[in-house]
N, C-alpha and C. Protein backbone atom coordinates (compact mmCIF):
# COMPACT_ATOMS: atom_id res chain seq x y z
N MET A 1 83.18 98.96 81.73
CA MET A 1 84.45 98.63 82.31
C MET A 1 84.67 97.13 82.19
N ALA A 2 85.83 96.73 81.75
CA ALA A 2 86.15 95.31 81.58
C ALA A 2 86.91 94.79 82.78
N VAL A 3 86.73 93.51 83.05
CA VAL A 3 87.44 92.86 84.14
C VAL A 3 88.21 91.69 83.57
N ALA A 4 89.48 91.63 83.88
CA ALA A 4 90.32 90.50 83.48
C ALA A 4 91.03 89.97 84.71
N LEU A 5 91.19 88.68 84.78
CA LEU A 5 91.79 88.07 85.96
C LEU A 5 92.59 86.85 85.54
N GLN A 6 93.77 86.72 86.12
CA GLN A 6 94.58 85.52 85.88
C GLN A 6 95.10 85.05 87.22
N LEU A 7 94.76 83.84 87.59
CA LEU A 7 95.24 83.26 88.83
C LEU A 7 96.34 82.26 88.53
N ARG A 8 97.32 82.24 89.39
CA ARG A 8 98.42 81.28 89.26
C ARG A 8 98.65 80.61 90.59
N GLU A 9 99.09 79.39 90.55
CA GLU A 9 99.44 78.71 91.78
C GLU A 9 100.66 79.40 92.37
N CYS A 10 100.67 79.60 93.65
CA CYS A 10 101.78 80.34 94.26
C CYS A 10 102.33 79.60 95.47
N ALA A 11 103.23 78.71 95.22
CA ALA A 11 104.01 78.03 96.26
C ALA A 11 103.17 77.49 97.42
N LYS A 12 102.06 76.88 97.10
CA LYS A 12 101.20 76.24 98.12
C LYS A 12 100.62 77.22 99.13
N ARG A 13 100.63 78.50 98.81
CA ARG A 13 100.04 79.50 99.71
C ARG A 13 98.63 79.82 99.24
N ALA A 14 97.83 80.26 100.16
CA ALA A 14 96.46 80.62 99.83
C ALA A 14 96.43 81.89 99.00
N CYS A 15 95.57 81.92 98.01
CA CYS A 15 95.36 83.15 97.23
C CYS A 15 94.39 84.04 97.99
N VAL A 16 94.65 85.33 97.93
CA VAL A 16 93.81 86.32 98.59
C VAL A 16 93.53 87.42 97.58
N ILE A 17 92.30 87.90 97.53
CA ILE A 17 91.95 89.00 96.64
C ILE A 17 90.99 89.94 97.36
N ALA A 18 91.16 91.22 97.12
CA ALA A 18 90.28 92.22 97.73
C ALA A 18 89.56 93.00 96.65
N PHE A 19 88.32 93.36 96.95
CA PHE A 19 87.53 94.26 96.11
C PHE A 19 87.28 95.49 96.97
N THR A 20 87.77 96.62 96.52
CA THR A 20 87.60 97.85 97.27
C THR A 20 87.53 99.03 96.31
N ALA A 21 86.77 100.03 96.69
CA ALA A 21 86.63 101.24 95.88
C ALA A 21 86.13 102.35 96.80
N PRO A 22 86.40 103.61 96.44
CA PRO A 22 85.89 104.71 97.26
C PRO A 22 84.36 104.63 97.40
N ASN A 23 83.90 104.85 98.60
CA ASN A 23 82.46 104.87 98.91
C ASN A 23 81.75 103.55 98.64
N LYS A 24 82.50 102.45 98.73
CA LYS A 24 81.91 101.11 98.59
C LYS A 24 82.40 100.21 99.72
N SER A 25 81.63 99.18 100.00
CA SER A 25 82.07 98.16 100.94
C SER A 25 83.31 97.47 100.39
N THR A 26 84.11 96.91 101.28
CA THR A 26 85.32 96.19 100.89
C THR A 26 85.15 94.71 101.21
N TYR A 27 85.51 93.86 100.26
CA TYR A 27 85.47 92.41 100.44
C TYR A 27 86.88 91.88 100.33
N LEU A 28 87.26 90.99 101.23
CA LEU A 28 88.55 90.32 101.19
C LEU A 28 88.28 88.82 101.18
N PHE A 29 88.56 88.19 100.06
CA PHE A 29 88.40 86.74 99.92
C PHE A 29 89.75 86.08 100.15
N SER A 30 89.78 85.00 100.92
CA SER A 30 91.03 84.28 101.14
C SER A 30 90.83 82.79 100.90
N THR A 31 91.92 82.11 100.81
CA THR A 31 91.95 80.67 100.50
C THR A 31 91.14 80.35 99.25
N ILE A 32 91.40 81.11 98.20
CA ILE A 32 90.66 80.95 96.96
C ILE A 32 91.32 79.89 96.09
N PRO A 33 90.58 78.86 95.71
CA PRO A 33 91.14 77.88 94.77
C PRO A 33 91.29 78.49 93.37
N THR A 34 92.29 78.07 92.63
CA THR A 34 92.55 78.65 91.31
C THR A 34 91.39 78.43 90.35
N GLU A 35 90.58 77.42 90.55
CA GLU A 35 89.45 77.19 89.65
C GLU A 35 88.30 78.17 89.85
N CYS A 36 88.44 79.12 90.75
CA CYS A 36 87.39 80.12 91.00
C CYS A 36 87.58 81.39 90.19
N ALA A 37 88.45 81.42 89.22
CA ALA A 37 88.71 82.64 88.45
C ALA A 37 87.44 83.19 87.83
N SER A 38 86.64 82.36 87.20
CA SER A 38 85.41 82.87 86.56
C SER A 38 84.42 83.38 87.60
N ASP A 39 84.40 82.76 88.78
CA ASP A 39 83.52 83.24 89.85
C ASP A 39 83.98 84.61 90.35
N LEU A 40 85.29 84.83 90.41
CA LEU A 40 85.81 86.13 90.83
C LEU A 40 85.46 87.22 89.82
N ILE A 41 85.53 86.88 88.55
CA ILE A 41 85.15 87.85 87.51
C ILE A 41 83.67 88.18 87.62
N GLU A 42 82.84 87.16 87.83
CA GLU A 42 81.40 87.39 87.99
C GLU A 42 81.13 88.30 89.20
N PHE A 43 81.82 88.04 90.33
CA PHE A 43 81.66 88.87 91.51
C PHE A 43 82.13 90.29 91.22
N ALA A 44 83.26 90.44 90.54
CA ALA A 44 83.80 91.76 90.21
C ALA A 44 82.79 92.57 89.39
N GLU A 45 82.15 91.92 88.45
CA GLU A 45 81.16 92.61 87.63
C GLU A 45 79.98 93.09 88.47
N LYS A 46 79.53 92.26 89.41
CA LYS A 46 78.44 92.67 90.31
C LYS A 46 78.89 93.82 91.20
N TYR A 47 80.13 93.75 91.67
CA TYR A 47 80.67 94.79 92.53
C TYR A 47 80.75 96.12 91.79
N ILE A 48 81.23 96.09 90.57
CA ILE A 48 81.36 97.30 89.76
C ILE A 48 79.99 97.92 89.50
N GLN A 49 78.99 97.08 89.24
CA GLN A 49 77.64 97.57 88.92
C GLN A 49 76.90 98.11 90.15
N SER A 50 77.33 97.71 91.33
CA SER A 50 76.66 98.13 92.56
C SER A 50 77.12 99.52 92.98
N LYS A 51 76.19 100.38 93.35
CA LYS A 51 76.54 101.73 93.80
C LYS A 51 77.25 101.72 95.15
N THR A 52 76.86 100.79 96.02
CA THR A 52 77.43 100.74 97.36
C THR A 52 78.47 99.63 97.54
N GLY A 53 78.52 98.71 96.61
CA GLY A 53 79.42 97.56 96.75
C GLY A 53 78.86 96.46 97.62
N ASN A 54 77.65 96.64 98.13
CA ASN A 54 77.03 95.62 98.98
C ASN A 54 76.42 94.52 98.10
N ILE A 55 76.99 93.34 98.21
CA ILE A 55 76.52 92.18 97.45
C ILE A 55 76.04 91.15 98.46
N SER A 56 74.79 90.76 98.38
CA SER A 56 74.27 89.77 99.34
C SER A 56 74.92 88.41 99.07
N HIS A 57 75.08 87.64 100.12
CA HIS A 57 75.70 86.32 99.99
C HIS A 57 74.95 85.45 98.98
N GLN A 58 73.65 85.64 98.88
CA GLN A 58 72.85 84.87 97.92
C GLN A 58 73.24 85.19 96.48
N GLN A 59 73.80 86.37 96.24
CA GLN A 59 74.22 86.76 94.89
C GLN A 59 75.65 86.33 94.57
N PHE A 60 76.37 85.80 95.55
CA PHE A 60 77.73 85.35 95.30
C PHE A 60 77.70 84.19 94.31
N PRO A 61 78.66 84.13 93.41
CA PRO A 61 78.79 82.94 92.56
C PRO A 61 79.03 81.71 93.44
N GLU A 62 78.55 80.57 93.00
CA GLU A 62 78.63 79.34 93.81
C GLU A 62 80.02 79.05 94.34
N GLY A 63 81.05 79.24 93.51
CA GLY A 63 82.41 78.92 93.92
C GLY A 63 82.95 79.79 95.04
N LEU A 64 82.30 80.91 95.32
CA LEU A 64 82.76 81.82 96.37
C LEU A 64 81.94 81.73 97.65
N LYS A 65 80.86 80.96 97.62
CA LYS A 65 80.01 80.87 98.81
C LYS A 65 80.68 80.14 99.97
N GLU A 66 81.67 79.31 99.69
CA GLU A 66 82.35 78.55 100.74
C GLU A 66 83.74 79.08 101.04
N VAL A 67 84.14 80.17 100.41
CA VAL A 67 85.46 80.76 100.59
C VAL A 67 85.44 81.69 101.80
N ALA A 68 86.53 81.70 102.58
CA ALA A 68 86.62 82.61 103.72
C ALA A 68 86.57 84.05 103.23
N ILE A 69 85.78 84.88 103.92
CA ILE A 69 85.60 86.27 103.48
C ILE A 69 85.58 87.20 104.69
N THR A 70 86.12 88.37 104.48
CA THR A 70 86.01 89.46 105.45
C THR A 70 85.31 90.60 104.74
N LEU A 71 84.35 91.21 105.40
CA LEU A 71 83.57 92.29 104.80
C LEU A 71 83.67 93.52 105.69
N ARG A 72 84.02 94.63 105.10
CA ARG A 72 83.93 95.92 105.77
C ARG A 72 82.84 96.68 105.05
N GLU A 73 81.68 96.70 105.67
CA GLU A 73 80.49 97.25 105.02
C GLU A 73 80.47 98.77 105.09
N LEU A 74 80.12 99.38 103.97
CA LEU A 74 79.94 100.82 103.91
C LEU A 74 78.66 101.16 104.64
N ARG A 75 78.74 102.11 105.51
CA ARG A 75 77.56 102.53 106.27
C ARG A 75 77.31 104.00 105.99
N SER A 76 76.05 104.34 105.83
CA SER A 76 75.71 105.74 105.59
C SER A 76 75.80 106.53 106.90
N ASN A 77 75.94 107.82 106.78
CA ASN A 77 76.04 108.70 107.96
C ASN A 77 74.69 109.25 108.36
N ARG A 78 73.63 108.61 107.97
CA ARG A 78 72.29 109.09 108.28
C ARG A 78 71.92 108.83 109.71
């Protein structure tokens, strides 16, 4: 699966992007600087490869480690 991303400046408003899929955790990144496009693609690739969507903060690309994030973690019913 290929990932393509194009960020544009949008009237001085913060960029927000979500990663979500069935049966995976959901990530919502906000206040993303436009220079983080390659970091978002790297994160997307990790997210796609993960069965659960759980990506540890240590695995985040450097440009996303300081970005505001909301996580809705997938939990098993065990």
